[in-house]
């Protein structure tokens, strides 16, 4: 028998994939977006950029921005006592 593969990106074939029409595009607009402290964001990982990528288990989770750490933002997840550090190209602002 083969041993089970364990890694950061295991079982993420659907999560970390772009559509055919989106491949090759670089989200410059998302890279320069400024998020204020207290704004609500959703974690949507861009698979073409590996820097500042949060763990795939946090994909689709929402939270509030609690601070900035270099170019990345610190996000407190909703309903959990966890902090996630991610760059702005992997975040999407949630409108209320």
PDB file of N, CA and C in Angstrom:
ATOM      1  N   UNK A   1       0.831  -1.198   0.000  1.00  0.00           N
ATOM      2  CA  UNK A   1       0.000   0.000   0.000  1.00  0.00           C
ATOM      3  C   UNK A   1       0.867   1.250   0.000  1.00  0.00           C
ATOM      4  N   UNK A   2       0.298   2.274  -0.542  1.00  0.00           N
ATOM      5  CA  UNK A   2       0.991   3.562  -0.573  1.00  0.00           C
ATOM      6  C   UNK A   2       0.679   4.321   0.714  1.00  0.00           C
ATOM      7  N   UNK A   3       1.623   5.122   1.156  1.00  0.00           N
ATOM      8  CA  UNK A   3       1.360   5.949   2.332  1.00  0.00           C
ATOM      9  C   UNK A   3       0.571   7.180   1.920  1.00  0.00           C
ATOM     10  N   UNK A   4      -0.250   7.658   2.825  1.00  0.00           N
ATOM     11  CA  UNK A   4      -1.086   8.822   2.541  1.00  0.00           C
ATOM     12  C   UNK A   4      -0.213  10.070   2.472  1.00  0.00           C
ATOM     13  N   UNK A   5      -0.413  10.857   1.434  1.00  0.00           N
ATOM     14  CA  UNK A   5       0.373  12.081   1.307  1.00  0.00           C
ATOM     15  C   UNK A   5      -0.200  13.144   2.227  1.00  0.00           C
ATOM     16  N   UNK A   6       0.674  13.786   2.953  1.00  0.00           N
ATOM     17  CA  UNK A   6       0.259  14.835   3.882  1.00  0.00           C
ATOM     18  C   UNK A   6       1.073  16.074   3.561  1.00  0.00           C
ATOM     19  N   UNK A   7       0.404  17.125   3.281  1.00  0.00           N
ATOM     20  CA  UNK A   7       1.090  18.363   2.980  1.00  0.00           C
ATOM     21  C   UNK A   7       0.134  19.525   3.077  1.00  0.00           C
ATOM     22  N   UNK A   8       0.661  20.720   2.946  1.00  0.00           N
ATOM     23  CA  UNK A   8      -0.157  21.921   3.073  1.00  0.00           C
ATOM     24  C   UNK A   8      -1.213  22.009   1.983  1.00  0.00           C
ATOM     25  N   UNK A   9      -0.903  21.514   0.801  1.00  0.00           N
ATOM     26  CA  UNK A   9      -1.837  21.652  -0.316  1.00  0.00           C
ATOM     27  C   UNK A   9      -2.490  20.331  -0.718  1.00  0.00           C
ATOM     28  N   UNK A  10      -2.528  19.360   0.178  1.00  0.00           N
ATOM     29  CA  UNK A  10      -3.184  18.099  -0.162  1.00  0.00           C
ATOM     30  C   UNK A  10      -4.698  18.278  -0.142  1.00  0.00           C
ATOM     31  N   UNK A  11      -5.393  17.603  -1.036  1.00  0.00           N
ATOM     32  CA  UNK A  11      -6.859  17.645  -1.180  1.00  0.00           C
ATOM     33  C   UNK A  11      -7.375  19.037  -1.531  1.00  0.00           C
ATOM     34  N   UNK A  12      -6.635  19.784  -2.331  1.00  0.00           N
ATOM     35  CA  UNK A  12      -7.062  21.138  -2.691  1.00  0.00           C
ATOM     36  C   UNK A  12      -7.208  21.296  -4.198  1.00  0.00           C
ATOM     37  N   UNK A  13      -7.494  20.217  -4.895  1.00  0.00           N
ATOM     38  CA  UNK A  13      -7.579  20.287  -6.356  1.00  0.00           C
ATOM     39  C   UNK A  13      -8.660  21.258  -6.811  1.00  0.00           C
ATOM     40  N   UNK A  14      -9.792  21.297  -6.151  1.00  0.00           N
ATOM     41  CA  UNK A  14     -10.887  22.190  -6.541  1.00  0.00           C
ATOM     42  C   UNK A  14     -10.699  23.597  -5.974  1.00  0.00           C
ATOM     43  N   UNK A  15     -10.181  23.683  -4.748  1.00  0.00           N
ATOM     44  CA  UNK A  15     -10.037  24.991  -4.100  1.00  0.00           C
ATOM     45  C   UNK A  15      -9.010  25.871  -4.797  1.00  0.00           C
ATOM     46  N   UNK A  16      -7.862  25.300  -5.092  1.00  0.00           N
ATOM     47  CA  UNK A  16      -6.761  26.087  -5.647  1.00  0.00           C
ATOM     48  C   UNK A  16      -6.699  25.934  -7.163  1.00  0.00           C
ATOM     49  N   UNK A  17      -7.790  26.287  -7.823  1.00  0.00           N
ATOM     50  CA  UNK A  17      -7.838  26.215  -9.277  1.00  0.00           C
ATOM     51  C   UNK A  17      -8.558  27.441  -9.810  1.00  0.00           C
ATOM     52  N   UNK A  18      -8.036  27.973 -10.915  1.00  0.00           N
ATOM     53  CA  UNK A  18      -8.697  29.087 -11.594  1.00  0.00           C
ATOM     54  C   UNK A  18      -9.487  28.549 -12.777  1.00  0.00           C
ATOM     55  N   UNK A  19     -10.466  29.320 -13.211  1.00  0.00           N
ATOM     56  CA  UNK A  19     -11.184  28.970 -14.426  1.00  0.00           C
ATOM     57  C   UNK A  19     -10.259  29.151 -15.623  1.00  0.00           C
ATOM     58  N   UNK A  20     -10.606  28.562 -16.743  1.00  0.00           N
ATOM     59  CA  UNK A  20      -9.770  28.636 -17.938  1.00  0.00           C
ATOM     60  C   UNK A  20      -9.615  30.080 -18.395  1.00  0.00           C
ATOM     61  N   UNK A  21     -10.668  30.871 -18.310  1.00  0.00           N
ATOM     62  CA  UNK A  21     -10.616  32.261 -18.760  1.00  0.00           C
ATOM     63  C   UNK A  21      -9.804  33.154 -17.829  1.00  0.00           C
ATOM     64  N   UNK A  22      -9.650  32.767 -16.573  1.00  0.00           N
ATOM     65  CA  UNK A  22      -8.925  33.587 -15.598  1.00  0.00           C
ATOM     66  C   UNK A  22      -7.442  33.253 -15.525  1.00  0.00           C
ATOM     67  N   UNK A  23      -7.017  32.178 -16.163  1.00  0.00           N
ATOM     68  CA  UNK A  23      -5.624  31.758 -16.056  1.00  0.00           C
ATOM     69  C   UNK A  23      -4.686  32.764 -16.688  1.00  0.00           C
ATOM     70  N   UNK A  24      -3.566  33.008 -16.003  1.00  0.00           N
ATOM     71  CA  UNK A  24      -2.565  33.915 -16.522  1.00  0.00           C
ATOM     72  C   UNK A  24      -2.783  35.359 -16.132  1.00  0.00           C
ATOM     73  N   UNK A  25      -3.964  35.678 -15.631  1.00  0.00           N
ATOM     74  CA  UNK A  25      -4.238  37.062 -15.244  1.00  0.00           C
ATOM     75  C   UNK A  25      -3.678  37.322 -13.853  1.00  0.00           C
ATOM     76  N   UNK A  26      -3.143  38.516 -13.683  1.00  0.00           N
ATOM     77  CA  UNK A  26      -2.529  38.903 -12.426  1.00  0.00           C
ATOM     78  C   UNK A  26      -3.382  39.992 -11.787  1.00  0.00           C
ATOM     79  N   UNK A  27      -3.880  39.791 -10.580  1.00  0.00           N
ATOM     80  CA  UNK A  27      -4.816  40.744  -9.977  1.00  0.00           C
ATOM     81  C   UNK A  27      -4.125  41.963  -9.356  1.00  0.00           C
ATOM     82  N   UNK A  28      -3.696  42.906 -10.189  1.00  0.00           N
ATOM     83  CA  UNK A  28      -3.017  44.082  -9.653  1.00  0.00           C
ATOM     84  C   UNK A  28      -3.956  44.938  -8.818  1.00  0.00           C
ATOM     85  N   UNK A  29      -5.226  44.944  -9.163  1.00  0.00           N
ATOM     86  CA  UNK A  29      -6.201  45.725  -8.405  1.00  0.00           C
ATOM     87  C   UNK A  29      -6.354  45.186  -6.978  1.00  0.00           C
ATOM     88  N   UNK A  30      -6.312  43.877  -6.841  1.00  0.00           N
ATOM     89  CA  UNK A  30      -6.432  43.265  -5.523  1.00  0.00           C
ATOM     90  C   UNK A  30      -5.167  43.466  -4.699  1.00  0.00           C
ATOM     91  N   UNK A  31      -4.022  43.546  -5.375  1.00  0.00           N
ATOM     92  CA  UNK A  31      -2.765  43.689  -4.650  1.00  0.00           C
ATOM     93  C   UNK A  31      -2.636  45.044  -3.976  1.00  0.00           C
ATOM     94  N   UNK A  32      -3.225  46.080  -4.586  1.00  0.00           N
ATOM     95  CA  UNK A  32      -3.074  47.423  -4.034  1.00  0.00           C
ATOM     96  C   UNK A  32      -4.267  47.854  -3.192  1.00  0.00           C
ATOM     97  N   UNK A  33      -5.229  46.952  -2.965  1.00  0.00           N
ATOM     98  CA  UNK A  33      -6.397  47.343  -2.177  1.00  0.00           C
ATOM     99  C   UNK A  33      -5.998  47.586  -0.723  1.00  0.00           C
ATOM    100  N   UNK A  34      -6.554  48.619  -0.142  1.00  0.00           N
ATOM    101  CA  UNK A  34      -6.297  48.967   1.248  1.00  0.00           C
ATOM    102  C   UNK A  34      -7.504  48.571   2.078  1.00  0.00           C
ATOM    103  N   UNK A  35      -7.258  47.858   3.152  1.00  0.00           N
ATOM    104  CA  UNK A  35      -8.320  47.436   4.055  1.00  0.00           C
ATOM    105  C   UNK A  35      -8.137  48.144   5.386  1.00  0.00           C
ATOM    106  N   UNK A  36      -9.216  48.681   5.917  1.00  0.00           N
ATOM    107  CA  UNK A  36      -9.127  49.374   7.194  1.00  0.00           C
ATOM    108  C   UNK A  36      -9.383  48.396   8.329  1.00  0.00           C
ATOM    109  N   UNK A  37      -8.910  48.746   9.514  1.00  0.00           N
ATOM    110  CA  UNK A  37      -9.111  47.903  10.690  1.00  0.00           C
ATOM    111  C   UNK A  37     -10.598  47.876  11.021  1.00  0.00           C
ATOM    112  N   UNK A  38     -11.130  46.687  11.222  1.00  0.00           N
ATOM    113  CA  UNK A  38     -12.546  46.521  11.514  1.00  0.00           C
ATOM    114  C   UNK A  38     -13.388  46.156  10.310  1.00  0.00           C
ATOM    115  N   UNK A  39     -12.820  46.217   9.104  1.00  0.00           N
ATOM    116  CA  UNK A  39     -13.605  45.862   7.918  1.00  0.00           C
ATOM    117  C   UNK A  39     -13.718  44.341   7.811  1.00  0.00           C
ATOM    118  N   UNK A  40     -14.842  43.885   7.265  1.00  0.00           N
ATOM    119  CA  UNK A  40     -15.092  42.452   7.136  1.00  0.00           C
ATOM    120  C   UNK A  40     -14.548  41.955   5.803  1.00  0.00           C
ATOM    121  N   UNK A  41     -13.860  40.823   5.858  1.00  0.00           N
ATOM    122  CA  UNK A  41     -13.263  40.244   4.661  1.00  0.00           C
ATOM    123  C   UNK A  41     -13.553  38.749   4.595  1.00  0.00           C
ATOM    124  N   UNK A  42     -13.470  38.224   3.382  1.00  0.00           N
ATOM    125  CA  UNK A  42     -13.598  36.797   3.133  1.00  0.00           C
ATOM    126  C   UNK A  42     -12.276  36.311   2.557  1.00  0.00           C
ATOM    127  N   UNK A  43     -11.841  35.136   2.969  1.00  0.00           N
ATOM    128  CA  UNK A  43     -10.579  34.588   2.483  1.00  0.00           C
ATOM    129  C   UNK A  43     -10.849  33.795   1.214  1.00  0.00           C
ATOM    130  N   UNK A  44     -10.327  34.291   0.095  1.00  0.00           N
ATOM    131  CA  UNK A  44     -10.436  33.615  -1.193  1.00  0.00           C
ATOM    132  C   UNK A  44      -9.039  33.553  -1.794  1.00  0.00           C
ATOM    133  N   UNK A  45      -8.422  32.414  -1.721  1.00  0.00           N
ATOM    134  CA  UNK A  45      -7.026  32.238  -2.110  1.00  0.00           C
ATOM    135  C   UNK A  45      -6.870  32.328  -3.624  1.00  0.00           C
ATOM    136  N   UNK A  46      -5.887  33.121  -4.050  1.00  0.00           N
ATOM    137  CA  UNK A  46      -5.535  33.201  -5.468  1.00  0.00           C
ATOM    138  C   UNK A  46      -4.379  32.229  -5.699  1.00  0.00           C
ATOM    139  N   UNK A  47      -4.603  31.135  -6.430  1.00  0.00           N
ATOM    140  CA  UNK A  47      -3.569  30.112  -6.566  1.00  0.00           C
ATOM    141  C   UNK A  47      -2.354  30.534  -7.387  1.00  0.00           C
ATOM    142  N   UNK A  48      -2.453  31.612  -8.155  1.00  0.00           N
ATOM    143  CA  UNK A  48      -1.316  32.030  -8.970  1.00  0.00           C
ATOM    144  C   UNK A  48      -0.278  32.800  -8.163  1.00  0.00           C
ATOM    145  N   UNK A  49      -0.627  33.236  -6.959  1.00  0.00           N
ATOM    146  CA  UNK A  49       0.309  33.964  -6.099  1.00  0.00           C
ATOM    147  C   UNK A  49       0.524  33.140  -4.840  1.00  0.00           C
ATOM    148  N   UNK A  50       1.763  32.718  -4.603  1.00  0.00           N
ATOM    149  CA  UNK A  50       2.054  31.854  -3.471  1.00  0.00           C
ATOM    150  C   UNK A  50       2.454  32.628  -2.227  1.00  0.00           C
ATOM    151  N   UNK A  51       2.915  33.849  -2.398  1.00  0.00           N
ATOM    152  CA  UNK A  51       3.369  34.638  -1.269  1.00  0.00           C
ATOM    153  C   UNK A  51       2.185  35.098  -0.424  1.00  0.00           C
ATOM    154  N   UNK A  52       2.281  34.938   0.878  1.00  0.00           N
ATOM    155  CA  UNK A  52       1.235  35.413   1.777  1.00  0.00           C
ATOM    156  C   UNK A  52      -0.051  34.626   1.687  1.00  0.00           C
ATOM    157  N   UNK A  53       0.041  33.396   1.228  1.00  0.00           N
ATOM    158  CA  UNK A  53      -1.149  32.569   1.052  1.00  0.00           C
ATOM    159  C   UNK A  53      -1.501  31.902   2.382  1.00  0.00           C
ATOM    160  N   UNK A  54      -2.747  32.053   2.855  1.00  0.00           N
ATOM    161  CA  UNK A  54      -3.132  31.354   4.085  1.00  0.00           C
ATOM    162  C   UNK A  54      -3.325  29.862   3.818  1.00  0.00           C
ATOM    163  N   UNK A  55      -3.468  29.090   4.864  1.00  0.00           N
ATOM    164  CA  UNK A  55      -3.684  27.651   4.717  1.00  0.00           C
ATOM    165  C   UNK A  55      -5.021  27.409   4.028  1.00  0.00           C
ATOM    166  N   UNK A  56      -5.089  26.439   3.119  1.00  0.00           N
ATOM    167  CA  UNK A  56      -6.336  26.198   2.378  1.00  0.00           C
ATOM    168  C   UNK A  56      -7.543  25.841   3.239  1.00  0.00           C
ATOM    169  N   UNK A  57      -7.339  25.404   4.482  1.00  0.00           N
ATOM    170  CA  UNK A  57      -8.495  25.090   5.331  1.00  0.00           C
ATOM    171  C   UNK A  57      -9.277  26.340   5.715  1.00  0.00           C
ATOM    172  N   UNK A  58      -8.678  27.517   5.531  1.00  0.00           N
ATOM    173  CA  UNK A  58      -9.368  28.769   5.840  1.00  0.00           C
ATOM    174  C   UNK A  58     -10.077  29.359   4.625  1.00  0.00           C
ATOM    175  N   UNK A  59     -10.078  28.658   3.504  1.00  0.00           N
ATOM    176  CA  UNK A  59     -10.710  29.152   2.278  1.00  0.00           C
ATOM    177  C   UNK A  59     -12.213  29.333   2.490  1.00  0.00           C
ATOM    178  N   UNK A  60     -12.720  30.519   2.158  1.00  0.00           N
ATOM    179  CA  UNK A  60     -14.150  30.800   2.273  1.00  0.00           C
ATOM    180  C   UNK A  60     -14.586  31.314   3.620  1.00  0.00           C
ATOM    181  N   UNK A  61     -13.707  31.334   4.599  1.00  0.00           N
ATOM    182  CA  UNK A  61     -14.068  31.812   5.932  1.00  0.00           C
ATOM    183  C   UNK A  61     -14.080  33.333   5.940  1.00  0.00           C
ATOM    184  N   UNK A  62     -14.890  33.900   6.820  1.00  0.00           N
ATOM    185  CA  UNK A  62     -14.970  35.351   6.946  1.00  0.00           C
ATOM    186  C   UNK A  62     -14.449  35.778   8.303  1.00  0.00           C
ATOM    187  N   UNK A  63     -14.059  37.038   8.377  1.00  0.00           N
ATOM    188  CA  UNK A  63     -13.552  37.583   9.620  1.00  0.00           C
ATOM    189  C   UNK A  63     -13.370  39.081   9.507  1.00  0.00           C
ATOM    190  N   UNK A  64     -12.821  39.670  10.563  1.00  0.00           N
ATOM    191  CA  UNK A  64     -12.585  41.110  10.583  1.00  0.00           C
ATOM    192  C   UNK A  64     -11.088  41.375  10.627  1.00  0.00           C
ATOM    193  N   UNK A  65     -10.680  42.457  10.000  1.00  0.00           N
ATOM    194  CA  UNK A  65      -9.273  42.850   9.987  1.00  0.00           C
ATOM    195  C   UNK A  65      -8.952  43.486  11.331  1.00  0.00           C
ATOM    196  N   UNK A  66      -7.935  42.942  12.013  1.00  0.00           N
ATOM    197  CA  UNK A  66      -7.573  43.472  13.325  1.00  0.00           C
ATOM    198  C   UNK A  66      -6.278  44.269  13.297  1.00  0.00           C
ATOM    199  N   UNK A  67      -5.531  44.194  12.212  1.00  0.00           N
ATOM    200  CA  UNK A  67      -4.298  44.961  12.130  1.00  0.00           C
ATOM    201  C   UNK A  67      -3.531  44.640  10.865  1.00  0.00           C
ATOM    202  N   UNK A  68      -2.388  45.320  10.732  1.00  0.00           N
ATOM    203  CA  UNK A  68      -1.534  45.121   9.568  1.00  0.00           C
ATOM    204  C   UNK A  68      -0.170  44.660  10.053  1.00  0.00           C
ATOM    205  N   UNK A  69       0.432  43.741   9.295  1.00  0.00           N
ATOM    206  CA  UNK A  69       1.733  43.202   9.647  1.00  0.00           C
ATOM    207  C   UNK A  69       2.584  43.191   8.389  1.00  0.00           C
ATOM    208  N   UNK A  70       3.347  44.240   8.198  1.00  0.00           N
ATOM    209  CA  UNK A  70       4.093  44.402   6.957  1.00  0.00           C
ATOM    210  C   UNK A  70       3.131  44.711   5.833  1.00  0.00           C
ATOM    211  N   UNK A  71       3.166  43.915   4.754  1.00  0.00           N
ATOM    212  CA  UNK A  71       2.208  44.079   3.657  1.00  0.00           C
ATOM    213  C   UNK A  71       0.949  43.248   3.876  1.00  0.00           C
ATOM    214  N   UNK A  72       0.969  42.376   4.866  1.00  0.00           N
ATOM    215  CA  UNK A  72      -0.150  41.469   5.117  1.00  0.00           C
ATOM    216  C   UNK A  72      -1.091  42.039   6.176  1.00  0.00           C
ATOM    217  N   UNK A  73      -2.263  41.407   6.273  1.00  0.00           N
ATOM    218  CA  UNK A  73      -3.272  41.796   7.250  1.00  0.00           C
ATOM    219  C   UNK A  73      -3.521  40.644   8.211  1.00  0.00           C
ATOM    220  N   UNK A  74      -3.836  40.992   9.458  1.00  0.00           N
ATOM    221  CA  UNK A  74      -4.183  40.004  10.476  1.00  0.00           C
ATOM    222  C   UNK A  74      -5.700  39.958  10.553  1.00  0.00           C
ATOM    223  N   UNK A  75      -6.277  38.772  10.392  1.00  0.00           N
ATOM    224  CA  UNK A  75      -7.725  38.613  10.365  1.00  0.00           C
ATOM    225  C   UNK A  75      -8.148  37.731  11.525  1.00  0.00           C
ATOM    226  N   UNK A  76      -9.129  38.201  12.308  1.00  0.00           N
ATOM    227  CA  UNK A  76      -9.745  37.379  13.343  1.00  0.00           C
ATOM    228  C   UNK A  76     -10.948  36.691  12.725  1.00  0.00           C
ATOM    229  N   UNK A  77     -10.965  35.364  12.764  1.00  0.00           N
ATOM    230  CA  UNK A  77     -12.038  34.610  12.133  1.00  0.00           C
ATOM    231  C   UNK A  77     -13.316  34.678  12.956  1.00  0.00           C
ATOM    232  N   UNK A  78     -14.434  34.697  12.247  1.00  0.00           N
ATOM    233  CA  UNK A  78     -15.751  34.780  12.867  1.00  0.00           C
ATOM    234  C   UNK A  78     -16.105  33.425  13.490  1.00  0.00           C
ATOM    235  N   UNK A  79     -16.527  33.450  14.751  1.00  0.00           N
ATOM    236  CA  UNK A  79     -16.950  32.233  15.431  1.00  0.00           C
ATOM    237  C   UNK A  79     -15.818  31.353  15.924  1.00  0.00           C
ATOM    238  N   UNK A  80     -14.580  31.778  15.760  1.00  0.00           N
ATOM    239  CA  UNK A  80     -13.432  30.995  16.210  1.00  0.00           C
ATOM    240  C   UNK A  80     -12.428  31.922  16.870  1.00  0.00           C
ATOM    241  N   UNK A  81     -11.605  31.365  17.704  1.00  0.00           N
ATOM    242  CA  UNK A  81     -10.561  32.142  18.359  1.00  0.00           C
ATOM    243  C   UNK A  81      -9.249  31.918  17.607  1.00  0.00           C
ATOM    244  N   UNK A  82      -9.239  32.309  16.321  1.00  0.00           N
ATOM    245  CA  UNK A  82      -8.057  32.105  15.487  1.00  0.00           C
ATOM    246  C   UNK A  82      -7.702  33.378  14.750  1.00  0.00           C
ATOM    247  N   UNK A  83      -6.402  33.549  14.520  1.00  0.00           N
ATOM    248  CA  UNK A  83      -5.904  34.663  13.722  1.00  0.00           C
ATOM    249  C   UNK A  83      -5.236  34.097  12.478  1.00  0.00           C
ATOM    250  N   UNK A  84      -5.515  34.730  11.339  1.00  0.00           N
ATOM    251  CA  UNK A  84      -4.919  34.327  10.069  1.00  0.00           C
ATOM    252  C   UNK A  84      -4.184  35.528   9.503  1.00  0.00           C
ATOM    253  N   UNK A  85      -2.961  35.305   9.040  1.00  0.00           N
ATOM    254  CA  UNK A  85      -2.174  36.368   8.422  1.00  0.00           C
ATOM    255  C   UNK A  85      -2.146  36.109   6.922  1.00  0.00           C
ATOM    256  N   UNK A  86      -2.598  37.102   6.152  1.00  0.00           N
ATOM    257  CA  UNK A  86      -2.698  36.925   4.708  1.00  0.00           C
ATOM    258  C   UNK A  86      -2.461  38.245   3.996  1.00  0.00           C
ATOM    259  N   UNK A  87      -1.950  38.148   2.781  1.00  0.00           N
ATOM    260  CA  UNK A  87      -1.765  39.342   1.961  1.00  0.00           C
ATOM    261  C   UNK A  87      -3.075  39.712   1.284  1.00  0.00           C
ATOM    262  N   UNK A  88      -3.214  40.973   0.836  1.00  0.00           N
ATOM    263  CA  UNK A  88      -4.507  41.452   0.320  1.00  0.00           C
ATOM    264  C   UNK A  88      -4.994  40.767  -0.947  1.00  0.00           C
ATOM    265  N   UNK A  89      -4.117  40.160  -1.746  1.00  0.00           N
ATOM    266  CA  UNK A  89      -4.590  39.509  -2.966  1.00  0.00           C
ATOM    267  C   UNK A  89      -5.371  38.225  -2.686  1.00  0.00           C
ATOM    268  N   UNK A  90      -5.328  37.741  -1.455  1.00  0.00           N
ATOM    269  CA  UNK A  90      -6.089  36.550  -1.070  1.00  0.00           C
ATOM    270  C   UNK A  90      -7.332  36.904  -0.263  1.00  0.00           C
ATOM    271  N   UNK A  91      -7.633  38.191  -0.168  1.00  0.00           N
ATOM    272  CA  UNK A  91      -8.781  38.652   0.616  1.00  0.00           C
ATOM    273  C   UNK A  91      -9.789  39.360  -0.275  1.00  0.00           C
ATOM    274  N   UNK A  92     -11.052  39.254   0.093  1.00  0.00           N
ATOM    275  CA  UNK A  92     -12.118  39.939  -0.630  1.00  0.00           C
ATOM    276  C   UNK A  92     -12.991  40.651   0.391  1.00  0.00           C
ATOM    277  N   UNK A  93     -13.205  41.940   0.166  1.00  0.00           N
ATOM    278  CA  UNK A  93     -14.018  42.725   1.089  1.00  0.00           C
ATOM    279  C   UNK A  93     -15.475  42.282   1.001  1.00  0.00           C
ATOM    280  N   UNK A  94     -16.118  42.119   2.170  1.00  0.00           N
ATOM    281  CA  UNK A  94     -17.519  41.710   2.235  1.00  0.00           C
ATOM    282  C   UNK A  94     -18.359  42.959   2.434  1.00  0.00           C
ATOM    283  N   UNK A  95     -19.349  43.125   1.570  1.00  0.00           N
ATOM    284  CA  UNK A  95     -20.236  44.287   1.658  1.00  0.00           C
ATOM    285  C   UNK A  95     -21.423  43.955   2.547  1.00  0.00           C
ATOM    286  N   UNK A  96     -21.798  44.897   3.393  1.00  0.00           N
ATOM    287  CA  UNK A  96     -22.984  44.721   4.245  1.00  0.00           C
ATOM    288  C   UNK A  96     -24.010  45.765   3.944  1.00  0.00           C
TER     289      UNK A  96
END
